[in-house]
Amino acid sequence: MLSLSAHKFYGPKGVGVLYVRSGTPLVPLVVGGGQEAGLRAGTENVAGIVGLARALALAVAELPAETARLVKLRERFEAGLAAAIPGLRINGLGAPRLPNVSSVAFRGIDAATFLVRLDLDGLAVSAGSACAAGSSEPSHVIAAIGAPRWAELGTLRFSFGKLTSEQDVERLVSMLPEAVRSVRVDPADLGTEQCGLVADRVEGRS
């Protein structure tokens, strides 16, 4: 099976696609009607479905050019941070990555505290995936790629999209050094005495 959410490619919210390989057994979640082969009762969201189809067609057509643009923005962002902020790690550097996401770990930073600081500056940043929202546990994904403990606690995810401009990236790079200085503490105070390699440069691996 494959599921798609329209808002992930700039379609309307509240509508998606479920692809099911022939022969895969399904149990209805909404019952009471016989439409959709008995799998889902209720009236279809026709406007949402049409919007999804159009947004998907545009996303596919624009994918090559938009991918190249986002890679340049991400690389500019990461290079700017590496030059301005000591003690950081770009998670997954050198590995195949999505073009629009930069996962950055800051040594001596508590991600939750840093999010509050950035929110006050008007920056919308995440400490992880949407499905992990509200969790206070360090990222198991960052741990799985062999990152040091301080990176598990201090990783933020920066995402770029169709509305992100070069000016936005420049502003972000200019704001982050002072924001980091304002919340950075000794890693030992975060319970991360075993920090692994000293991260005074960008690291691809621990």
N, C-alpha and C. Protein backbone atom coordinates (compact mmCIF):
# COMPACT_ATOMS: atom_id res chain seq x y z
N MET A 1 0.84 -1.19 0.00
CA MET A 1 0.00 0.00 0.00
C MET A 1 0.88 1.25 0.00
N LEU A 2 0.29 2.34 -0.45
CA LEU A 2 0.96 3.63 -0.46
C LEU A 2 -0.05 4.71 -0.12
N SER A 3 0.28 5.56 0.83
CA SER A 3 -0.62 6.66 1.17
C SER A 3 0.04 8.00 0.88
N LEU A 4 -0.74 8.94 0.40
CA LEU A 4 -0.27 10.29 0.08
C LEU A 4 -1.22 11.30 0.71
N SER A 5 -0.66 12.35 1.28
CA SER A 5 -1.46 13.46 1.81
C SER A 5 -1.31 14.65 0.90
N ALA A 6 -2.42 15.22 0.46
CA ALA A 6 -2.37 16.29 -0.54
C ALA A 6 -1.59 17.50 -0.07
N HIS A 7 -1.70 17.84 1.22
CA HIS A 7 -1.03 19.06 1.67
C HIS A 7 0.49 18.96 1.61
N LYS A 8 1.02 17.74 1.49
CA LYS A 8 2.47 17.58 1.38
C LYS A 8 2.99 18.07 0.03
N PHE A 9 2.12 18.19 -0.97
CA PHE A 9 2.55 18.74 -2.26
C PHE A 9 1.65 19.92 -2.66
N TYR A 10 1.24 20.69 -1.65
CA TYR A 10 0.54 21.96 -1.83
C TYR A 10 -0.88 21.79 -2.37
N GLY A 11 -1.47 20.64 -2.10
CA GLY A 11 -2.87 20.43 -2.40
C GLY A 11 -3.72 20.80 -1.19
N PRO A 12 -5.04 20.63 -1.28
CA PRO A 12 -5.91 20.98 -0.16
C PRO A 12 -5.72 20.03 1.02
N LYS A 13 -5.89 20.55 2.21
CA LYS A 13 -5.79 19.73 3.41
C LYS A 13 -7.05 18.87 3.56
N GLY A 14 -6.88 17.73 4.20
CA GLY A 14 -8.02 16.87 4.50
C GLY A 14 -8.36 15.87 3.43
N VAL A 15 -7.48 15.70 2.44
CA VAL A 15 -7.75 14.72 1.39
C VAL A 15 -6.44 14.01 1.06
N GLY A 16 -6.55 12.76 0.66
CA GLY A 16 -5.35 12.00 0.36
C GLY A 16 -5.65 10.86 -0.60
N VAL A 17 -4.62 10.08 -0.85
CA VAL A 17 -4.70 8.94 -1.75
C VAL A 17 -4.27 7.69 -1.00
N LEU A 18 -4.98 6.61 -1.20
CA LEU A 18 -4.54 5.31 -0.71
C LEU A 18 -4.46 4.36 -1.90
N TYR A 19 -3.26 3.95 -2.24
CA TYR A 19 -3.07 2.96 -3.29
C TYR A 19 -2.99 1.60 -2.63
N VAL A 20 -3.76 0.66 -3.10
CA VAL A 20 -3.79 -0.69 -2.53
C VAL A 20 -3.53 -1.70 -3.64
N ARG A 21 -2.53 -2.50 -3.47
CA ARG A 21 -2.23 -3.53 -4.47
C ARG A 21 -3.38 -4.53 -4.53
N SER A 22 -3.69 -4.95 -5.72
CA SER A 22 -4.78 -5.90 -5.92
C SER A 22 -4.56 -7.15 -5.08
N GLY A 23 -5.62 -7.55 -4.38
CA GLY A 23 -5.56 -8.74 -3.54
C GLY A 23 -5.25 -8.47 -2.09
N THR A 24 -4.90 -7.21 -1.75
CA THR A 24 -4.60 -6.87 -0.36
C THR A 24 -5.91 -6.76 0.42
N PRO A 25 -6.08 -7.51 1.51
CA PRO A 25 -7.34 -7.45 2.26
C PRO A 25 -7.47 -6.15 3.04
N LEU A 26 -8.66 -5.57 3.04
CA LEU A 26 -8.94 -4.35 3.77
C LEU A 26 -10.22 -4.51 4.58
N VAL A 27 -10.25 -3.89 5.75
CA VAL A 27 -11.45 -3.86 6.58
C VAL A 27 -11.93 -2.41 6.63
N PRO A 28 -13.20 -2.13 6.30
CA PRO A 28 -13.71 -0.76 6.29
C PRO A 28 -13.58 -0.10 7.66
N LEU A 29 -13.20 1.19 7.66
CA LEU A 29 -13.18 1.98 8.89
C LEU A 29 -14.50 2.73 9.06
N VAL A 30 -15.16 3.06 7.94
CA VAL A 30 -16.45 3.74 7.96
C VAL A 30 -17.45 2.84 7.25
N VAL A 31 -18.48 2.43 7.97
CA VAL A 31 -19.45 1.49 7.41
C VAL A 31 -20.82 2.16 7.28
N GLY A 32 -21.74 1.50 6.57
CA GLY A 32 -23.09 2.01 6.45
C GLY A 32 -23.56 2.23 5.04
N GLY A 33 -22.66 2.12 4.09
CA GLY A 33 -23.04 2.31 2.69
C GLY A 33 -22.29 1.34 1.81
N GLY A 34 -22.78 1.16 0.60
CA GLY A 34 -22.16 0.18 -0.28
C GLY A 34 -21.22 0.77 -1.31
N GLN A 35 -21.11 2.12 -1.36
CA GLN A 35 -20.24 2.72 -2.37
C GLN A 35 -18.77 2.43 -2.07
N GLU A 36 -17.92 2.71 -3.04
CA GLU A 36 -16.49 2.43 -2.92
C GLU A 36 -16.25 0.96 -2.57
N ALA A 37 -16.98 0.09 -3.22
CA ALA A 37 -16.83 -1.36 -3.04
C ALA A 37 -17.01 -1.78 -1.59
N GLY A 38 -17.83 -1.04 -0.85
CA GLY A 38 -18.10 -1.37 0.54
C GLY A 38 -16.99 -0.98 1.49
N LEU A 39 -15.99 -0.23 1.01
CA LEU A 39 -14.83 0.10 1.85
C LEU A 39 -15.00 1.40 2.62
N ARG A 40 -15.84 2.30 2.11
CA ARG A 40 -15.99 3.58 2.81
C ARG A 40 -17.36 4.18 2.53
N ALA A 41 -18.17 4.27 3.55
CA ALA A 41 -19.47 4.92 3.41
C ALA A 41 -19.28 6.43 3.43
N GLY A 42 -20.27 7.15 2.92
CA GLY A 42 -20.23 8.61 2.95
C GLY A 42 -19.98 9.21 1.58
N THR A 43 -20.19 10.54 1.52
CA THR A 43 -20.04 11.27 0.26
C THR A 43 -18.58 11.65 0.04
N GLU A 44 -18.10 11.42 -1.18
CA GLU A 44 -16.72 11.75 -1.49
C GLU A 44 -16.52 13.27 -1.52
N ASN A 45 -15.32 13.70 -1.15
CA ASN A 45 -14.94 15.11 -1.20
C ASN A 45 -14.44 15.42 -2.61
N VAL A 46 -15.39 15.67 -3.51
CA VAL A 46 -15.04 15.82 -4.93
C VAL A 46 -14.10 17.00 -5.15
N ALA A 47 -14.39 18.14 -4.54
CA ALA A 47 -13.53 19.31 -4.72
C ALA A 47 -12.12 19.03 -4.23
N GLY A 48 -12.03 18.35 -3.09
CA GLY A 48 -10.70 18.01 -2.56
C GLY A 48 -9.96 17.05 -3.46
N ILE A 49 -10.68 16.07 -4.01
CA ILE A 49 -10.06 15.08 -4.89
C ILE A 49 -9.52 15.75 -6.15
N VAL A 50 -10.32 16.65 -6.73
CA VAL A 50 -9.88 17.36 -7.94
C VAL A 50 -8.66 18.23 -7.62
N GLY A 51 -8.71 18.91 -6.48
CA GLY A 51 -7.57 19.75 -6.08
C GLY A 51 -6.31 18.92 -5.88
N LEU A 52 -6.46 17.76 -5.27
CA LEU A 52 -5.33 16.86 -5.07
C LEU A 52 -4.73 16.44 -6.41
N ALA A 53 -5.57 16.04 -7.34
CA ALA A 53 -5.08 15.58 -8.64
C ALA A 53 -4.32 16.68 -9.37
N ARG A 54 -4.84 17.91 -9.31
CA ARG A 54 -4.17 19.02 -9.99
C ARG A 54 -2.85 19.35 -9.31
N ALA A 55 -2.85 19.37 -7.97
CA ALA A 55 -1.61 19.67 -7.25
C ALA A 55 -0.54 18.61 -7.51
N LEU A 56 -0.95 17.35 -7.60
CA LEU A 56 0.00 16.28 -7.85
C LEU A 56 0.59 16.40 -9.26
N ALA A 57 -0.25 16.74 -10.23
CA ALA A 57 0.25 16.91 -11.60
C ALA A 57 1.27 18.05 -11.67
N LEU A 58 0.99 19.15 -10.99
CA LEU A 58 1.93 20.28 -10.97
C LEU A 58 3.22 19.91 -10.25
N ALA A 59 3.10 19.19 -9.14
CA ALA A 59 4.29 18.80 -8.38
C ALA A 59 5.22 17.91 -9.20
N VAL A 60 4.64 16.98 -9.94
CA VAL A 60 5.45 16.09 -10.77
C VAL A 60 6.12 16.88 -11.89
N ALA A 61 5.38 17.78 -12.53
CA ALA A 61 5.93 18.56 -13.63
C ALA A 61 7.06 19.48 -13.17
N GLU A 62 6.93 20.02 -11.97
CA GLU A 62 7.91 21.00 -11.47
C GLU A 62 9.03 20.35 -10.66
N LEU A 63 8.97 19.05 -10.47
CA LEU A 63 9.90 18.38 -9.56
C LEU A 63 11.37 18.59 -9.91
N PRO A 64 11.82 18.39 -11.15
CA PRO A 64 13.26 18.55 -11.43
C PRO A 64 13.80 19.94 -11.10
N ALA A 65 13.10 20.97 -11.56
CA ALA A 65 13.56 22.33 -11.33
C ALA A 65 13.48 22.71 -9.86
N GLU A 66 12.41 22.32 -9.20
CA GLU A 66 12.25 22.67 -7.78
C GLU A 66 13.25 21.91 -6.92
N THR A 67 13.54 20.67 -7.27
CA THR A 67 14.55 19.92 -6.53
C THR A 67 15.90 20.61 -6.60
N ALA A 68 16.31 21.02 -7.78
CA ALA A 68 17.59 21.70 -7.94
C ALA A 68 17.64 23.00 -7.16
N ARG A 69 16.55 23.75 -7.16
CA ARG A 69 16.50 25.01 -6.42
C ARG A 69 16.61 24.79 -4.92
N LEU A 70 15.89 23.79 -4.42
CA LEU A 70 15.91 23.51 -2.99
C LEU A 70 17.26 22.99 -2.52
N VAL A 71 17.93 22.19 -3.35
CA VAL A 71 19.26 21.71 -2.99
C VAL A 71 20.22 22.90 -2.81
N LYS A 72 20.13 23.88 -3.70
CA LYS A 72 20.99 25.06 -3.59
C LYS A 72 20.69 25.85 -2.32
N LEU A 73 19.41 25.99 -2.00
CA LEU A 73 19.05 26.69 -0.77
C LEU A 73 19.56 25.95 0.45
N ARG A 74 19.40 24.62 0.47
CA ARG A 74 19.85 23.83 1.60
C ARG A 74 21.37 23.91 1.76
N GLU A 75 22.10 23.81 0.66
CA GLU A 75 23.56 23.88 0.72
C GLU A 75 24.02 25.26 1.17
N ARG A 76 23.35 26.31 0.72
CA ARG A 76 23.70 27.65 1.18
C ARG A 76 23.45 27.79 2.67
N PHE A 77 22.36 27.25 3.13
CA PHE A 77 22.03 27.29 4.56
C PHE A 77 23.07 26.55 5.39
N GLU A 78 23.40 25.35 4.99
CA GLU A 78 24.34 24.54 5.77
C GLU A 78 25.75 25.12 5.75
N ALA A 79 26.17 25.65 4.60
CA ALA A 79 27.49 26.28 4.53
C ALA A 79 27.55 27.53 5.40
N GLY A 80 26.46 28.31 5.41
CA GLY A 80 26.42 29.50 6.24
C GLY A 80 26.49 29.18 7.72
N LEU A 81 25.79 28.14 8.14
CA LEU A 81 25.84 27.73 9.54
C LEU A 81 27.22 27.23 9.92
N ALA A 82 27.82 26.41 9.05
CA ALA A 82 29.13 25.85 9.34
C ALA A 82 30.18 26.95 9.53
N ALA A 83 30.05 28.04 8.77
CA ALA A 83 31.00 29.13 8.85
C ALA A 83 30.78 30.01 10.07
N ALA A 84 29.55 30.06 10.57
CA ALA A 84 29.21 31.01 11.62
C ALA A 84 29.07 30.41 13.01
N ILE A 85 28.81 29.11 13.10
CA ILE A 85 28.50 28.49 14.40
C ILE A 85 29.42 27.31 14.65
N PRO A 86 30.28 27.36 15.66
CA PRO A 86 31.09 26.19 16.01
C PRO A 86 30.23 25.17 16.75
N GLY A 87 30.65 23.93 16.72
CA GLY A 87 29.96 22.90 17.49
C GLY A 87 28.63 22.51 16.92
N LEU A 88 28.60 22.22 15.63
CA LEU A 88 27.36 21.71 15.06
C LEU A 88 27.66 20.53 14.15
N ARG A 89 26.62 19.81 13.83
CA ARG A 89 26.73 18.62 12.99
C ARG A 89 25.56 18.61 12.02
N ILE A 90 25.84 18.41 10.74
CA ILE A 90 24.79 18.23 9.76
C ILE A 90 24.52 16.74 9.67
N ASN A 91 23.38 16.31 10.17
CA ASN A 91 23.06 14.89 10.16
C ASN A 91 22.83 14.39 8.73
N GLY A 92 23.49 13.30 8.39
CA GLY A 92 23.32 12.73 7.07
C GLY A 92 24.12 13.39 5.97
N LEU A 93 25.07 14.26 6.35
CA LEU A 93 25.87 14.94 5.34
C LEU A 93 26.60 13.93 4.47
N GLY A 94 26.50 14.09 3.16
CA GLY A 94 27.16 13.19 2.23
C GLY A 94 26.33 11.98 1.85
N ALA A 95 25.21 11.77 2.54
CA ALA A 95 24.33 10.64 2.22
C ALA A 95 23.15 11.14 1.38
N PRO A 96 22.47 10.25 0.67
CA PRO A 96 21.27 10.68 -0.07
C PRO A 96 20.24 11.25 0.89
N ARG A 97 19.75 12.46 0.59
CA ARG A 97 18.80 13.13 1.46
C ARG A 97 17.71 13.79 0.64
N LEU A 98 16.59 14.09 1.30
CA LEU A 98 15.57 14.91 0.67
C LEU A 98 16.15 16.30 0.41
N PRO A 99 15.80 16.92 -0.69
CA PRO A 99 16.40 18.21 -1.03
C PRO A 99 15.94 19.36 -0.15
N ASN A 100 14.80 19.21 0.50
CA ASN A 100 14.19 20.33 1.20
C ASN A 100 14.33 20.29 2.71
N VAL A 101 15.12 19.36 3.25
CA VAL A 101 15.22 19.22 4.69
C VAL A 101 16.69 19.22 5.12
N SER A 102 16.98 19.99 6.15
CA SER A 102 18.31 19.99 6.75
C SER A 102 18.16 19.66 8.23
N SER A 103 18.79 18.57 8.66
CA SER A 103 18.75 18.15 10.06
C SER A 103 20.07 18.56 10.70
N VAL A 104 20.00 19.49 11.65
CA VAL A 104 21.21 20.08 12.22
C VAL A 104 21.22 19.86 13.73
N ALA A 105 22.34 19.34 14.24
CA ALA A 105 22.52 19.15 15.67
C ALA A 105 23.47 20.21 16.20
N PHE A 106 23.08 20.82 17.32
CA PHE A 106 23.87 21.87 17.95
C PHE A 106 24.39 21.35 19.28
N ARG A 107 25.69 21.32 19.46
CA ARG A 107 26.29 20.85 20.70
C ARG A 107 25.95 21.82 21.85
N GLY A 108 25.54 21.25 22.98
CA GLY A 108 25.23 22.07 24.14
C GLY A 108 23.87 22.74 24.08
N ILE A 109 23.00 22.26 23.21
CA ILE A 109 21.68 22.85 23.04
C ILE A 109 20.61 21.82 23.37
N ASP A 110 19.61 22.24 24.13
CA ASP A 110 18.42 21.43 24.33
C ASP A 110 17.40 21.85 23.28
N ALA A 111 16.99 20.91 22.44
CA ALA A 111 16.16 21.24 21.29
C ALA A 111 14.86 21.93 21.69
N ALA A 112 14.21 21.46 22.76
CA ALA A 112 12.93 22.04 23.17
C ALA A 112 13.10 23.50 23.59
N THR A 113 14.17 23.78 24.32
CA THR A 113 14.45 25.16 24.73
C THR A 113 14.75 26.04 23.53
N PHE A 114 15.51 25.50 22.61
CA PHE A 114 15.88 26.25 21.41
C PHE A 114 14.65 26.56 20.56
N LEU A 115 13.71 25.63 20.50
CA LEU A 115 12.49 25.88 19.73
C LEU A 115 11.72 27.08 20.27
N VAL A 116 11.65 27.20 21.58
CA VAL A 116 10.96 28.34 22.19
C VAL A 116 11.67 29.64 21.81
N ARG A 117 12.99 29.61 21.89
CA ARG A 117 13.77 30.81 21.53
C ARG A 117 13.53 31.20 20.09
N LEU A 118 13.54 30.25 19.17
CA LEU A 118 13.34 30.56 17.76
C LEU A 118 11.91 31.01 17.48
N ASP A 119 10.95 30.45 18.21
CA ASP A 119 9.55 30.85 18.04
C ASP A 119 9.38 32.33 18.40
N LEU A 120 10.09 32.78 19.43
CA LEU A 120 10.04 34.19 19.81
C LEU A 120 10.61 35.09 18.72
N ASP A 121 11.50 34.54 17.91
CA ASP A 121 12.08 35.27 16.79
C ASP A 121 11.23 35.16 15.53
N GLY A 122 10.10 34.44 15.62
CA GLY A 122 9.23 34.31 14.47
C GLY A 122 9.64 33.22 13.49
N LEU A 123 10.44 32.26 13.96
CA LEU A 123 10.92 31.18 13.10
C LEU A 123 10.17 29.89 13.42
N ALA A 124 9.62 29.26 12.40
CA ALA A 124 8.90 28.00 12.57
C ALA A 124 9.85 26.85 12.24
N VAL A 125 10.32 26.18 13.26
CA VAL A 125 11.29 25.09 13.13
C VAL A 125 10.76 23.91 13.92
N SER A 126 11.23 22.71 13.60
CA SER A 126 10.76 21.50 14.26
C SER A 126 11.93 20.76 14.91
N ALA A 127 11.61 20.02 15.97
CA ALA A 127 12.62 19.16 16.59
C ALA A 127 12.55 17.74 16.06
N GLY A 128 11.62 17.46 15.15
CA GLY A 128 11.49 16.11 14.62
C GLY A 128 10.33 16.05 13.65
N SER A 129 9.94 14.84 13.32
CA SER A 129 8.83 14.66 12.40
C SER A 129 7.51 14.98 13.09
N ALA A 130 6.48 15.24 12.28
CA ALA A 130 5.17 15.55 12.83
C ALA A 130 4.62 14.40 13.65
N CYS A 131 4.95 13.16 13.26
CA CYS A 131 4.41 12.02 13.98
C CYS A 131 5.06 11.84 15.35
N ALA A 132 6.17 12.58 15.59
CA ALA A 132 6.84 12.51 16.89
C ALA A 132 6.55 13.75 17.74
N ALA A 133 5.65 14.61 17.26
CA ALA A 133 5.33 15.84 17.98
C ALA A 133 4.81 15.54 19.38
N GLY A 134 5.27 16.31 20.35
CA GLY A 134 4.84 16.13 21.73
C GLY A 134 5.68 15.16 22.52
N SER A 135 6.56 14.44 21.86
CA SER A 135 7.42 13.50 22.57
C SER A 135 8.62 14.23 23.16
N SER A 136 8.98 13.90 24.38
CA SER A 136 10.14 14.51 25.04
C SER A 136 11.37 13.61 24.94
N GLU A 137 11.22 12.48 24.27
CA GLU A 137 12.33 11.54 24.15
C GLU A 137 13.27 11.98 23.02
N PRO A 138 14.60 11.76 23.21
CA PRO A 138 15.53 12.05 22.13
C PRO A 138 15.20 11.23 20.90
N SER A 139 15.59 11.74 19.75
CA SER A 139 15.26 11.08 18.49
C SER A 139 15.93 9.72 18.37
N HIS A 140 15.14 8.67 18.17
CA HIS A 140 15.71 7.35 17.97
C HIS A 140 16.36 7.25 16.58
N VAL A 141 15.91 8.09 15.66
CA VAL A 141 16.50 8.08 14.33
C VAL A 141 17.92 8.62 14.37
N ILE A 142 18.13 9.72 15.08
CA ILE A 142 19.48 10.29 15.20
C ILE A 142 20.39 9.31 15.90
N ALA A 143 19.87 8.61 16.89
CA ALA A 143 20.67 7.59 17.58
C ALA A 143 21.03 6.46 16.63
N ALA A 144 20.10 6.07 15.77
CA ALA A 144 20.30 4.92 14.88
C ALA A 144 21.38 5.18 13.84
N ILE A 145 21.61 6.44 13.47
CA ILE A 145 22.65 6.72 12.47
C ILE A 145 24.03 6.89 13.11
N GLY A 146 24.10 6.62 14.42
CA GLY A 146 25.40 6.64 15.09
C GLY A 146 25.85 8.00 15.58
N ALA A 147 24.93 8.94 15.71
CA ALA A 147 25.30 10.27 16.19
C ALA A 147 25.59 10.24 17.68
N PRO A 148 26.44 11.14 18.17
CA PRO A 148 26.72 11.22 19.62
C PRO A 148 25.49 11.65 20.40
N ARG A 149 25.52 11.44 21.69
CA ARG A 149 24.38 11.72 22.54
C ARG A 149 23.94 13.18 22.47
N TRP A 150 24.90 14.10 22.41
CA TRP A 150 24.52 15.51 22.37
C TRP A 150 23.70 15.83 21.12
N ALA A 151 23.95 15.10 20.03
CA ALA A 151 23.20 15.34 18.80
C ALA A 151 21.77 14.84 18.93
N GLU A 152 21.56 13.75 19.67
CA GLU A 152 20.20 13.27 19.90
C GLU A 152 19.35 14.32 20.61
N LEU A 153 19.98 15.05 21.54
CA LEU A 153 19.26 16.03 22.35
C LEU A 153 19.15 17.39 21.69
N GLY A 154 20.04 17.68 20.75
CA GLY A 154 20.11 19.04 20.22
C GLY A 154 19.87 19.15 18.73
N THR A 155 19.09 18.25 18.16
CA THR A 155 18.84 18.29 16.71
C THR A 155 17.55 19.02 16.38
N LEU A 156 17.62 19.90 15.39
CA LEU A 156 16.46 20.58 14.86
C LEU A 156 16.35 20.30 13.36
N ARG A 157 15.12 20.32 12.87
CA ARG A 157 14.87 20.08 11.45
C ARG A 157 14.40 21.38 10.80
N PHE A 158 15.15 21.81 9.80
CA PHE A 158 14.80 23.00 9.03
C PHE A 158 14.27 22.55 7.67
N SER A 159 13.08 22.99 7.32
CA SER A 159 12.46 22.57 6.06
C SER A 159 12.25 23.77 5.15
N PHE A 160 12.50 23.56 3.86
CA PHE A 160 12.33 24.61 2.86
C PHE A 160 11.28 24.17 1.84
N GLY A 161 10.64 25.13 1.20
CA GLY A 161 9.59 24.77 0.26
C GLY A 161 9.46 25.77 -0.86
N LYS A 162 8.35 25.69 -1.59
CA LYS A 162 8.13 26.53 -2.77
C LYS A 162 8.16 28.02 -2.43
N LEU A 163 7.75 28.37 -1.22
CA LEU A 163 7.69 29.79 -0.84
C LEU A 163 8.98 30.28 -0.21
N THR A 164 9.96 29.41 -0.02
CA THR A 164 11.23 29.80 0.60
C THR A 164 12.13 30.46 -0.45
N SER A 165 12.63 31.65 -0.12
CA SER A 165 13.49 32.40 -1.04
C SER A 165 14.93 32.43 -0.52
N GLU A 166 15.85 32.89 -1.37
CA GLU A 166 17.24 33.06 -0.94
C GLU A 166 17.32 34.07 0.20
N GLN A 167 16.48 35.09 0.15
CA GLN A 167 16.47 36.09 1.21
C GLN A 167 16.05 35.47 2.55
N ASP A 168 15.11 34.54 2.50
CA ASP A 168 14.69 33.85 3.73
C ASP A 168 15.85 33.08 4.34
N VAL A 169 16.61 32.39 3.48
CA VAL A 169 17.75 31.61 3.97
C VAL A 169 18.82 32.53 4.55
N GLU A 170 19.10 33.65 3.88
CA GLU A 170 20.09 34.59 4.39
C GLU A 170 19.68 35.14 5.75
N ARG A 171 18.40 35.45 5.89
CA ARG A 171 17.91 35.96 7.18
C ARG A 171 18.06 34.89 8.26
N LEU A 172 17.74 33.67 7.94
CA LEU A 172 17.84 32.59 8.90
C LEU A 172 19.28 32.39 9.36
N VAL A 173 20.20 32.37 8.40
CA VAL A 173 21.61 32.18 8.73
C VAL A 173 22.12 33.33 9.59
N SER A 174 21.66 34.53 9.33
CA SER A 174 22.12 35.69 10.11
C SER A 174 21.57 35.70 11.53
N MET A 175 20.39 35.10 11.73
CA MET A 175 19.75 35.11 13.05
C MET A 175 20.22 33.99 13.96
N LEU A 176 20.57 32.84 13.40
CA LEU A 176 20.82 31.66 14.22
C LEU A 176 22.05 31.76 15.13
N PRO A 177 23.17 32.35 14.71
CA PRO A 177 24.32 32.38 15.63
C PRO A 177 24.02 33.01 16.98
N GLU A 178 23.35 34.15 17.00
CA GLU A 178 23.02 34.79 18.27
C GLU A 178 22.01 33.96 19.05
N ALA A 179 21.06 33.35 18.36
CA ALA A 179 20.09 32.50 19.04
C ALA A 179 20.77 31.31 19.71
N VAL A 180 21.73 30.73 19.03
CA VAL A 180 22.48 29.60 19.61
C VAL A 180 23.24 30.06 20.85
N ARG A 181 23.94 31.18 20.75
CA ARG A 181 24.71 31.68 21.91
C ARG A 181 23.83 31.94 23.11
N SER A 182 22.60 32.34 22.87
CA SER A 182 21.72 32.71 23.98
C SER A 182 21.23 31.52 24.78
N VAL A 183 21.24 30.31 24.20
CA VAL A 183 20.70 29.14 24.89
C VAL A 183 21.73 28.03 25.08
N ARG A 184 22.91 28.18 24.53
CA ARG A 184 23.91 27.11 24.62
C ARG A 184 24.45 26.99 26.04
N VAL A 185 24.60 25.77 26.51
CA VAL A 185 25.17 25.48 27.82
C VAL A 185 26.26 24.43 27.65
N ASP A 186 26.99 24.18 28.73
CA ASP A 186 27.98 23.10 28.69
C ASP A 186 27.22 21.79 28.50
N PRO A 187 27.67 20.93 27.58
CA PRO A 187 26.98 19.66 27.36
C PRO A 187 26.80 18.83 28.62
N ALA A 188 27.73 18.97 29.58
CA ALA A 188 27.62 18.21 30.83
C ALA A 188 26.36 18.58 31.59
N ASP A 189 25.91 19.83 31.43
CA ASP A 189 24.70 20.26 32.11
C ASP A 189 23.45 19.64 31.50
N LEU A 190 23.59 19.08 30.31
CA LEU A 190 22.47 18.39 29.67
C LEU A 190 22.50 16.89 29.94
N GLY A 191 23.45 16.48 30.78
CA GLY A 191 23.60 15.06 31.03
C GLY A 191 24.27 14.34 29.89
N THR A 192 25.10 15.05 29.14
CA THR A 192 25.73 14.46 27.97
C THR A 192 27.25 14.50 28.10
N GLU A 193 27.77 14.02 29.22
CA GLU A 193 29.22 14.02 29.41
C GLU A 193 29.91 13.19 28.33
N GLN A 194 29.28 12.09 27.91
CA GLN A 194 29.86 11.25 26.85
C GLN A 194 29.39 11.80 25.51
N CYS A 195 30.07 12.83 25.05
CA CYS A 195 29.60 13.54 23.87
C CYS A 195 30.20 13.04 22.57
N GLY A 196 31.14 12.12 22.64
CA GLY A 196 31.76 11.67 21.40
C GLY A 196 32.76 12.68 20.90
N LEU A 197 32.86 12.84 19.59
CA LEU A 197 33.82 13.75 18.99
C LEU A 197 33.46 15.19 19.31
N VAL A 198 34.49 16.01 19.51
CA VAL A 198 34.28 17.44 19.65
C VAL A 198 33.81 17.98 18.32
N ALA A 199 32.70 18.68 18.34
CA ALA A 199 32.07 19.09 17.08
C ALA A 199 32.36 20.55 16.80
N ASP A 200 33.61 20.89 16.57
CA ASP A 200 33.97 22.25 16.20
C ASP A 200 34.01 22.41 14.69
N ARG A 201 33.47 21.42 14.00
CA ARG A 201 33.36 21.49 12.55
C ARG A 201 32.12 20.69 12.14
N VAL A 202 31.75 20.82 10.92
CA VAL A 202 30.60 20.05 10.43
C VAL A 202 31.02 18.60 10.30
N GLU A 203 30.19 17.71 10.84
CA GLU A 203 30.50 16.27 10.77
C GLU A 203 29.45 15.56 9.92
N GLY A 204 29.92 14.67 9.10
CA GLY A 204 28.98 13.81 8.37
C GLY A 204 28.63 12.59 9.19
N ARG A 205 29.59 12.14 9.99
CA ARG A 205 29.37 10.97 10.85
C ARG A 205 30.02 11.23 12.19
N SER A 206 29.56 10.49 13.20
CA SER A 206 30.16 10.64 14.53
C SER A 206 31.53 10.00 14.54
